Amino acid sequence: MPELPEVETVRRTLEERLKGLKITALDVPKPTFYRKPPKKALGGLVGRAVEGVDRRGKYLIFRLSGGRHLVLHLGMSGRIVFGERGPHTRFQLSVEGRTVSFHDARRFGRVGCDLPEFGPEPLGPDFTADALYRAVHPRRAPVKALLMDQAVVAGLGNIYATEALYAAGVRPGRRGSSLSREESRRLCASIKAVLGLAVSLGGSTLEDSAYLDPLGRAGSFQERVAVYGREICPRGHALRATRRPIAGRTSLYCPVCQK
């Protein structure tokens, strides 16, 4: 599933290419997503100008003239591309000569959805070591599961939570209540550093991933990962997998570097 760096890369490309242009048409081909875009969310969008494209967590938000918004979620493998309709196109916008197509082979993406409750943006000023400590310290859930809870931190998923925990020296299966203030400080800093680097590299395009930006460009953060998908950590130690899945995902960690 695209995480914050991939969605942010898509956001920047869309805003650069679409800001100031008007929507001239929209289409919902059949079959569309499993959750069909609601007519109320799409009504009256034609003729409105794109004032900007924002991001909240893993959601894209088209900010339109007249105070309207259009919210999109890429789902597990959705892609937004500039180009004509393909066999997996589920939604399409025409924006003054540009065709914006939402391709989604697995159909779990969403258009016209509401935004859920989010925690702070990890690259924003509200995400601090104290805020992270207050969010996780009362909880007994594994710290990695808490990091992937969008109500705790917006936009983090499996790849970047795994990398941030390694950088901070914290095991993914530890209870949130076990984190000290110093560990929370390290973890907050590592989350910001990992995400900042990933955004600068255009996100991650893995072998089993459909992710490319709207211009068809792959991300390159996967070439810089420390533990995700690896067998040995950067310090030469063999990695282990947690005995039980965390938030439905197997979690790699280094038993030497992470405590």
C-alpha atoms as a PDB file:
ATOM      1  CA  MET A   1       0.000   0.000   0.000  1.00  0.00           C
ATOM      2  CA  PRO A   2       1.393   3.456  -0.853  1.00  0.00           C
ATOM      3  CA  GLU A   3       2.530   5.228   2.305  1.00  0.00           C
ATOM      4  CA  LEU A   4       3.186   8.886   3.081  1.00  0.00           C
ATOM      5  CA  PRO A   5       6.276   9.338   0.842  1.00  0.00           C
ATOM      6  CA  GLU A   6       4.584   7.813  -2.205  1.00  0.00           C
ATOM      7  CA  VAL A   7       1.374   9.792  -1.709  1.00  0.00           C
ATOM      8  CA  GLU A   8       3.333  12.995  -1.113  1.00  0.00           C
ATOM      9  CA  THR A   9       5.271  12.420  -4.335  1.00  0.00           C
ATOM     10  CA  VAL A  10       1.996  11.969  -6.232  1.00  0.00           C
ATOM     11  CA  ARG A  11       0.588  15.097  -4.573  1.00  0.00           C
ATOM     12  CA  ARG A  12       3.509  17.259  -5.624  1.00  0.00           C
ATOM     13  CA  THR A  13       3.351  16.071  -9.219  1.00  0.00           C
ATOM     14  CA  LEU A  14      -0.396  16.614  -9.454  1.00  0.00           C
ATOM     15  CA  GLU A  15      -0.261  20.085  -7.950  1.00  0.00           C
ATOM     16  CA  GLU A  16       2.596  21.112 -10.224  1.00  0.00           C
ATOM     17  CA  ARG A  17       0.705  20.008 -13.347  1.00  0.00           C
ATOM     18  CA  LEU A  18      -2.912  20.843 -12.444  1.00  0.00           C
ATOM     19  CA  LYS A  19      -2.958  23.930 -10.214  1.00  0.00           C
ATOM     20  CA  GLY A  20      -5.042  26.704 -11.732  1.00  0.00           C
ATOM     21  CA  LEU A  21      -6.688  24.489 -14.361  1.00  0.00           C
ATOM     22  CA  LYS A  22     -10.412  23.742 -14.590  1.00  0.00           C
ATOM     23  CA  ILE A  23     -12.081  20.344 -14.528  1.00  0.00           C
ATOM     24  CA  THR A  24     -13.858  19.938 -17.865  1.00  0.00           C
ATOM     25  CA  ALA A  25     -15.238  16.408 -17.480  1.00  0.00           C
ATOM     26  CA  LEU A  26     -15.243  13.372 -15.223  1.00  0.00           C
ATOM     27  CA  ASP A  27     -16.055   9.744 -15.832  1.00  0.00           C
ATOM     28  CA  VAL A  28     -16.580   6.645 -13.687  1.00  0.00           C
ATOM     29  CA  PRO A  29     -16.003   3.615 -15.964  1.00  0.00           C
ATOM     30  CA  LYS A  30     -17.480   0.218 -15.151  1.00  0.00           C
ATOM     31  CA  PRO A  31     -16.497  -1.738 -13.204  1.00  0.00           C
ATOM     32  CA  THR A  32     -15.341   0.951 -10.807  1.00  0.00           C
ATOM     33  CA  PHE A  33     -13.964   0.568  -7.271  1.00  0.00           C
ATOM     34  CA  TYR A  34     -15.576  -1.845  -4.816  1.00  0.00           C
ATOM     35  CA  ARG A  35     -16.896   1.263  -3.061  1.00  0.00           C
ATOM     36  CA  LYS A  36     -18.451   3.281  -5.859  1.00  0.00           C
ATOM     37  CA  PRO A  37     -17.727   7.041  -5.769  1.00  0.00           C
ATOM     38  CA  PRO A  38     -20.821   8.709  -4.265  1.00  0.00           C
ATOM     39  CA  LYS A  39     -22.762  10.908  -6.690  1.00  0.00           C
ATOM     40  CA  LYS A  40     -23.042  13.660  -4.091  1.00  0.00           C
ATOM     41  CA  ALA A  41     -19.245  13.961  -3.868  1.00  0.00           C
ATOM     42  CA  LEU A  42     -18.881  14.203  -7.663  1.00  0.00           C
ATOM     43  CA  GLY A  43     -21.810  16.481  -8.437  1.00  0.00           C
ATOM     44  CA  GLY A  44     -20.963  20.009  -9.510  1.00  0.00           C
ATOM     45  CA  LEU A  45     -17.223  19.463  -9.914  1.00  0.00           C
ATOM     46  CA  VAL A  46     -17.092  20.175 -13.647  1.00  0.00           C
ATOM     47  CA  GLY A  47     -16.102  23.793 -14.224  1.00  0.00           C
ATOM     48  CA  ARG A  48     -14.289  24.182 -10.918  1.00  0.00           C
ATOM     49  CA  ALA A  49     -10.605  25.110 -10.852  1.00  0.00           C
ATOM     50  CA  VAL A  50      -7.956  23.108  -9.033  1.00  0.00           C
ATOM     51  CA  GLU A  51      -6.632  25.534  -6.412  1.00  0.00           C
ATOM     52  CA  GLY A  52      -4.204  23.001  -4.995  1.00  0.00           C
ATOM     53  CA  VAL A  53      -3.638  19.384  -4.083  1.00  0.00           C
ATOM     54  CA  ASP A  54      -3.154  18.596  -0.401  1.00  0.00           C
ATOM     55  CA  ARG A  55      -2.337  15.429   1.516  1.00  0.00           C
ATOM     56  CA  ARG A  56      -3.536  14.155   4.870  1.00  0.00           C
ATOM     57  CA  GLY A  57      -1.946  10.908   5.933  1.00  0.00           C
ATOM     58  CA  LYS A  58      -2.270   8.611   2.910  1.00  0.00           C
ATOM     59  CA  TYR A  59      -5.176  10.581   1.378  1.00  0.00           C
ATOM     60  CA  LEU A  60      -5.009  13.050  -1.516  1.00  0.00           C
ATOM     61  CA  ILE A  61      -7.278  16.103  -1.406  1.00  0.00           C
ATOM     62  CA  PHE A  62      -8.065  18.114  -4.525  1.00  0.00           C
ATOM     63  CA  ARG A  63      -8.830  21.630  -3.264  1.00  0.00           C
ATOM     64  CA  LEU A  64     -11.267  23.171  -5.743  1.00  0.00           C
ATOM     65  CA  SER A  65     -12.752  26.599  -6.327  1.00  0.00           C
ATOM     66  CA  GLY A  66     -15.973  27.424  -4.519  1.00  0.00           C
ATOM     67  CA  GLY A  67     -14.831  25.654  -1.375  1.00  0.00           C
ATOM     68  CA  ARG A  68     -15.247  22.138  -2.772  1.00  0.00           C
ATOM     69  CA  HIS A  69     -12.890  19.225  -2.157  1.00  0.00           C
ATOM     70  CA  LEU A  70     -12.404  15.837  -3.760  1.00  0.00           C
ATOM     71  CA  VAL A  71     -10.728  13.194  -1.591  1.00  0.00           C
ATOM     72  CA  LEU A  72      -8.903  10.173  -3.062  1.00  0.00           C
ATOM     73  CA  HIS A  73      -7.237   7.150  -1.502  1.00  0.00           C
ATOM     74  CA  LEU A  74      -4.954   4.935  -3.583  1.00  0.00           C
ATOM     75  CA  GLY A  75      -5.933   1.764  -1.756  1.00  0.00           C
ATOM     76  CA  MET A  76      -3.509  -1.145  -1.929  1.00  0.00           C
ATOM     77  CA  SER A  77      -2.152  -0.706  -5.442  1.00  0.00           C
ATOM     78  CA  GLY A  78      -3.844   2.278  -7.046  1.00  0.00           C
ATOM     79  CA  ARG A  79      -2.004   4.638  -9.403  1.00  0.00           C
ATOM     80  CA  ILE A  80      -2.848   8.071 -10.731  1.00  0.00           C
ATOM     81  CA  VAL A  81      -1.426   8.713 -14.191  1.00  0.00           C
ATOM     82  CA  PHE A  82      -1.583  11.318 -16.912  1.00  0.00           C
ATOM     83  CA  GLY A  83      -2.986   9.459 -19.866  1.00  0.00           C
ATOM     84  CA  GLU A  84      -5.924   7.767 -21.494  1.00  0.00           C
ATOM     85  CA  ARG A  85      -8.133   5.062 -20.104  1.00  0.00           C
ATOM     86  CA  GLY A  86      -6.681   1.592 -19.603  1.00  0.00           C
ATOM     87  CA  PRO A  87      -8.191  -1.781 -18.658  1.00  0.00           C
ATOM     88  CA  HIS A  88      -7.967  -0.961 -14.937  1.00  0.00           C
ATOM     89  CA  THR A  89      -9.142   2.666 -15.034  1.00  0.00           C
ATOM     90  CA  ARG A  90     -11.771   3.198 -12.304  1.00  0.00           C
ATOM     91  CA  PHE A  91     -12.076   7.006 -12.356  1.00  0.00           C
ATOM     92  CA  GLN A  92     -11.021   9.725 -14.778  1.00  0.00           C
ATOM     93  CA  LEU A  93     -10.818  13.512 -14.816  1.00  0.00           C
ATOM     94  CA  SER A  94     -10.278  15.823 -17.774  1.00  0.00           C
ATOM     95  CA  VAL A  95      -8.534  19.004 -16.679  1.00  0.00           C
ATOM     96  CA  GLU A  96      -8.152  21.500 -19.517  1.00  0.00           C
ATOM     97  CA  GLY A  97      -6.500  19.175 -21.987  1.00  0.00           C
ATOM     98  CA  ARG A  98      -4.926  16.837 -19.431  1.00  0.00           C
ATOM     99  CA  THR A  99      -6.409  13.433 -18.718  1.00  0.00           C
ATOM    100  CA  VAL A 100      -5.955  12.210 -15.154  1.00  0.00           C
ATOM    101  CA  SER A 101      -6.713   8.493 -14.791  1.00  0.00           C
ATOM    102  CA  PHE A 102      -6.985   6.509 -11.565  1.00  0.00           C
ATOM    103  CA  HIS A 103      -5.883   2.934 -12.350  1.00  0.00           C
ATOM    104  CA  ASP A 104      -6.524   0.246  -9.766  1.00  0.00           C
ATOM    105  CA  ALA A 105      -6.345  -3.440 -10.702  1.00  0.00           C
ATOM    106  CA  ARG A 106      -7.418  -4.554  -7.223  1.00  0.00           C
ATOM    107  CA  ARG A 107     -10.218  -1.955  -6.946  1.00  0.00           C
ATOM    108  CA  PHE A 108      -9.619  -1.048  -3.286  1.00  0.00           C
ATOM    109  CA  GLY A 109      -9.005   2.637  -4.024  1.00  0.00           C
ATOM    110  CA  ARG A 110     -11.582   5.269  -3.171  1.00  0.00           C
ATOM    111  CA  VAL A 111     -12.820   8.554  -4.636  1.00  0.00           C
ATOM    112  CA  GLY A 112     -15.136  11.024  -2.917  1.00  0.00           C
ATOM    113  CA  CYS A 113     -14.571   9.465   0.490  1.00  0.00           C
ATOM    114  CA  ASP A 114     -14.511  11.178   3.872  1.00  0.00           C
ATOM    115  CA  LEU A 115     -11.324  11.696   5.828  1.00  0.00           C
ATOM    116  CA  PRO A 116     -10.930   9.603   9.006  1.00  0.00           C
ATOM    117  CA  GLU A 117      -9.557  10.898  12.278  1.00  0.00           C
ATOM    118  CA  PHE A 118      -5.804  11.408  12.070  1.00  0.00           C
ATOM    119  CA  GLY A 119      -2.956  11.922  14.462  1.00  0.00           C
ATOM    120  CA  PRO A 120      -0.325  14.566  13.709  1.00  0.00           C
ATOM    121  CA  GLU A 121       1.540  14.655  10.416  1.00  0.00           C
ATOM    122  CA  PRO A 122       4.986  13.182  11.158  1.00  0.00           C
ATOM    123  CA  LEU A 123       6.778  15.810   9.058  1.00  0.00           C
ATOM    124  CA  GLY A 124       4.785  18.652  10.623  1.00  0.00           C
ATOM    125  CA  PRO A 125       5.448  20.790  13.713  1.00  0.00           C
ATOM    126  CA  ASP A 126       2.824  19.032  15.854  1.00  0.00           C
ATOM    127  CA  PHE A 127       4.670  15.720  15.761  1.00  0.00           C
ATOM    128  CA  THR A 128       7.128  16.011  18.629  1.00  0.00           C
ATOM    129  CA  ALA A 129       8.859  13.609  20.977  1.00  0.00           C
ATOM    130  CA  ASP A 130       6.486  14.633  23.776  1.00  0.00           C
ATOM    131  CA  ALA A 131       3.438  14.124  21.561  1.00  0.00           C
ATOM    132  CA  LEU A 132       4.659  10.663  20.568  1.00  0.00           C
ATOM    133  CA  TYR A 133       5.399   9.714  24.175  1.00  0.00           C
ATOM    134  CA  ARG A 134       1.936  10.837  25.312  1.00  0.00           C
ATOM    135  CA  ALA A 135       0.289   8.867  22.505  1.00  0.00           C
ATOM    136  CA  VAL A 136       2.062   5.545  23.033  1.00  0.00           C
ATOM    137  CA  HIS A 137       3.004   5.454  26.715  1.00  0.00           C
ATOM    138  CA  PRO A 138      -0.495   4.606  28.049  1.00  0.00           C
ATOM    139  CA  ARG A 139      -0.880   1.776  25.514  1.00  0.00           C
ATOM    140  CA  ARG A 140       0.024  -1.914  25.807  1.00  0.00           C
ATOM    141  CA  ALA A 141      -0.119  -2.590  22.069  1.00  0.00           C
ATOM    142  CA  PRO A 142       3.153  -3.227  20.159  1.00  0.00           C
ATOM    143  CA  VAL A 143       4.882   0.015  19.360  1.00  0.00           C
ATOM    144  CA  LYS A 144       4.948  -0.784  15.656  1.00  0.00           C
ATOM    145  CA  ALA A 145       1.179  -1.302  15.621  1.00  0.00           C
ATOM    146  CA  LEU A 146       0.784   2.063  17.320  1.00  0.00           C
ATOM    147  CA  LEU A 147       2.976   3.775  14.729  1.00  0.00           C
ATOM    148  CA  MET A 148       0.808   2.290  11.967  1.00  0.00           C
ATOM    149  CA  ASP A 149      -2.383   3.461  13.709  1.00  0.00           C
ATOM    150  CA  GLN A 150      -3.394   6.550  11.720  1.00  0.00           C
ATOM    151  CA  ALA A 151      -4.996   8.058  14.823  1.00  0.00           C
ATOM    152  CA  VAL A 152      -1.530   8.082  16.444  1.00  0.00           C
ATOM    153  CA  VAL A 153       0.638   9.150  13.488  1.00  0.00           C
ATOM    154  CA  ALA A 154      -0.714  10.023  10.040  1.00  0.00           C
ATOM    155  CA  GLY A 155       0.713   8.256   6.999  1.00  0.00           C
ATOM    156  CA  LEU A 156       3.080   5.654   8.434  1.00  0.00           C
ATOM    157  CA  GLY A 157       2.888   2.078   7.162  1.00  0.00           C
ATOM    158  CA  ASN A 158       4.919  -1.099   7.272  1.00  0.00           C
ATOM    159  CA  ILE A 159       8.020  -0.029   5.333  1.00  0.00           C
ATOM    160  CA  TYR A 160       8.745   3.240   7.074  1.00  0.00           C
ATOM    161  CA  ALA A 161       7.719   2.096  10.558  1.00  0.00           C
ATOM    162  CA  THR A 162      10.163  -0.828  10.187  1.00  0.00           C
ATOM    163  CA  GLU A 163      12.963   1.477   9.084  1.00  0.00           C
ATOM    164  CA  ALA A 164      12.304   4.108  11.748  1.00  0.00           C
ATOM    165  CA  LEU A 165      12.251   1.536  14.549  1.00  0.00           C
ATOM    166  CA  TYR A 166      15.604   0.164  13.423  1.00  0.00           C
ATOM    167  CA  ALA A 167      17.117   3.639  13.224  1.00  0.00           C
ATOM    168  CA  ALA A 168      15.880   4.371  16.752  1.00  0.00           C
ATOM    169  CA  GLY A 169      17.085   1.030  18.138  1.00  0.00           C
ATOM    170  CA  VAL A 170      13.591  -0.027  19.286  1.00  0.00           C
ATOM    171  CA  ARG A 171      12.128  -3.509  18.744  1.00  0.00           C
ATOM    172  CA  PRO A 172       8.770  -3.484  16.960  1.00  0.00           C
ATOM    173  CA  GLY A 173       7.053  -5.876  19.371  1.00  0.00           C
ATOM    174  CA  ARG A 174       7.655  -3.872  22.535  1.00  0.00           C
ATOM    175  CA  ARG A 175       4.631  -2.443  24.294  1.00  0.00           C
ATOM    176  CA  GLY A 176       4.087   1.254  23.814  1.00  0.00           C
ATOM    177  CA  SER A 177       4.023   1.674  27.589  1.00  0.00           C
ATOM    178  CA  SER A 178       7.622   0.447  27.779  1.00  0.00           C
ATOM    179  CA  LEU A 179       9.082   3.344  25.772  1.00  0.00           C
ATOM    180  CA  SER A 180      11.083   5.844  27.754  1.00  0.00           C
ATOM    181  CA  ARG A 181      11.111   9.540  26.958  1.00  0.00           C
ATOM    182  CA  GLU A 182      14.600   9.182  25.480  1.00  0.00           C
ATOM    183  CA  GLU A 183      13.465   6.321  23.242  1.00  0.00           C
ATOM    184  CA  SER A 184      10.461   8.405  22.177  1.00  0.00           C
ATOM    185  CA  ARG A 185      12.825  11.243  21.286  1.00  0.00           C
ATOM    186  CA  ARG A 186      14.995   8.932  19.175  1.00  0.00           C
ATOM    187  CA  LEU A 187      11.982   7.371  17.518  1.00  0.00           C
ATOM    188  CA  CYS A 188      10.418  10.733  16.685  1.00  0.00           C
ATOM    189  CA  ALA A 189      13.693  11.908  15.133  1.00  0.00           C
ATOM    190  CA  SER A 190      14.134   8.683  13.153  1.00  0.00           C
ATOM    191  CA  ILE A 191      10.578   8.841  11.772  1.00  0.00           C
ATOM    192  CA  LYS A 192      11.185  12.366  10.517  1.00  0.00           C
ATOM    193  CA  ALA A 193      14.580  11.446   9.046  1.00  0.00           C
ATOM    194  CA  VAL A 194      13.375   8.266   7.312  1.00  0.00           C
ATOM    195  CA  LEU A 195      10.282   9.927   5.845  1.00  0.00           C
ATOM    196  CA  GLY A 196      12.207  13.020   4.800  1.00  0.00           C
ATOM    197  CA  LEU A 197      14.740  10.919   2.914  1.00  0.00           C
ATOM    198  CA  ALA A 198      12.025   8.769   1.337  1.00  0.00           C
ATOM    199  CA  VAL A 199      10.130  11.820   0.088  1.00  0.00           C
ATOM    200  CA  SER A 200      13.322  13.237  -1.427  1.00  0.00           C
ATOM    201  CA  LEU A 201      13.821   9.924  -3.278  1.00  0.00           C
ATOM    202  CA  GLY A 202      10.265   9.732  -4.586  1.00  0.00           C
ATOM    203  CA  GLY A 203       9.150   6.935  -2.268  1.00  0.00           C
ATOM    204  CA  SER A 204       9.670   3.200  -2.727  1.00  0.00           C
ATOM    205  CA  THR A 205       8.964   1.082  -5.798  1.00  0.00           C
ATOM    206  CA  LEU A 206       9.287  -2.565  -4.765  1.00  0.00           C
ATOM    207  CA  GLU A 207       9.270  -5.637  -6.989  1.00  0.00           C
ATOM    208  CA  ASP A 208       5.710  -6.485  -5.914  1.00  0.00           C
ATOM    209  CA  SER A 209       4.562  -2.863  -6.020  1.00  0.00           C
ATOM    210  CA  ALA A 210       2.599  -1.088  -8.736  1.00  0.00           C
ATOM    211  CA  TYR A 211       3.743   2.302  -7.451  1.00  0.00           C
ATOM    212  CA  LEU A 212       4.980   4.850  -9.958  1.00  0.00           C
ATOM    213  CA  ASP A 213       4.352   8.582  -9.847  1.00  0.00           C
ATOM    214  CA  PRO A 214       1.856  10.164 -12.322  1.00  0.00           C
ATOM    215  CA  LEU A 215       4.663  10.621 -14.855  1.00  0.00           C
ATOM    216  CA  GLY A 216       5.651   6.952 -14.653  1.00  0.00           C
ATOM    217  CA  ARG A 217       8.757   7.528 -12.535  1.00  0.00           C
ATOM    218  CA  ALA A 218       9.798   4.966  -9.917  1.00  0.00           C
ATOM    219  CA  GLY A 219      10.920   5.845  -6.415  1.00  0.00           C
ATOM    220  CA  SER A 220      14.359   4.792  -5.193  1.00  0.00           C
ATOM    221  CA  PHE A 221      14.139   4.633  -1.385  1.00  0.00           C
ATOM    222  CA  GLN A 222      14.104   0.822  -1.633  1.00  0.00           C
ATOM    223  CA  GLU A 223      17.787   1.048  -2.525  1.00  0.00           C
ATOM    224  CA  ARG A 224      18.504   2.728   0.829  1.00  0.00           C
ATOM    225  CA  VAL A 225      16.523   0.548   3.254  1.00  0.00           C
ATOM    226  CA  ALA A 226      18.396  -0.801   6.271  1.00  0.00           C
ATOM    227  CA  VAL A 227      16.221  -3.782   7.229  1.00  0.00           C
ATOM    228  CA  TYR A 228      12.976  -3.949   5.222  1.00  0.00           C
ATOM    229  CA  GLY A 229      13.294  -6.916   2.885  1.00  0.00           C
ATOM    230  CA  ARG A 230      16.868  -7.578   3.998  1.00  0.00           C
ATOM    231  CA  GLU A 231      18.463 -10.592   5.697  1.00  0.00           C
ATOM    232  CA  ILE A 232      21.334  -8.774   7.422  1.00  0.00           C
ATOM    233  CA  CYS A 233      21.322  -5.344   9.066  1.00  0.00           C
ATOM    234  CA  PRO A 234      23.871  -2.647   8.111  1.00  0.00           C
ATOM    235  CA  ARG A 235      26.054  -3.704  11.061  1.00  0.00           C
ATOM    236  CA  GLY A 236      26.245  -7.284   9.833  1.00  0.00           C
ATOM    237  CA  HIS A 237      23.761  -8.947  12.183  1.00  0.00           C
ATOM    238  CA  ALA A 238      21.217 -11.502  10.981  1.00  0.00           C
ATOM    239  CA  LEU A 239      17.668 -10.167  11.121  1.00  0.00           C
ATOM    240  CA  ARG A 240      14.742 -11.918  12.758  1.00  0.00           C
ATOM    241  CA  ALA A 241      11.013 -11.835  12.162  1.00  0.00           C
ATOM    242  CA  THR A 242       8.576 -11.302  15.021  1.00  0.00           C
ATOM    243  CA  ARG A 243       6.907 -14.530  16.120  1.00  0.00           C
ATOM    244  CA  ARG A 244       3.447 -13.080  15.717  1.00  0.00           C
ATOM    245  CA  PRO A 245       2.327 -10.639  13.011  1.00  0.00           C
ATOM    246  CA  ILE A 246       2.027  -7.028  14.141  1.00  0.00           C
ATOM    247  CA  ALA A 247      -0.926  -5.174  12.636  1.00  0.00           C
ATOM    248  CA  GLY A 248      -1.254  -8.092  10.243  1.00  0.00           C
ATOM    249  CA  ARG A 249       2.319  -7.840   8.983  1.00  0.00           C
ATOM    250  CA  THR A 250       5.497  -9.795   9.693  1.00  0.00           C
ATOM    251  CA  SER A 251       8.053  -7.442  11.194  1.00  0.00           C
ATOM    252  CA  LEU A 252      11.794  -7.670  10.724  1.00  0.00           C
ATOM    253  CA  TYR A 253      14.162  -6.423  13.391  1.00  0.00           C
ATOM    254  CA  CYS A 254      17.755  -6.799  14.524  1.00  0.00           C
ATOM    255  CA  PRO A 255      18.045  -8.604  17.890  1.00  0.00           C
ATOM    256  CA  VAL A 256      21.394  -6.884  18.517  1.00  0.00           C
ATOM    257  CA  CYS A 257      20.753  -3.300  17.411  1.00  0.00           C
ATOM    258  CA  GLN A 258      17.157  -3.050  18.637  1.00  0.00           C
ATOM    259  CA  LYS A 259      16.252  -3.429  22.301  1.00  0.00           C
END
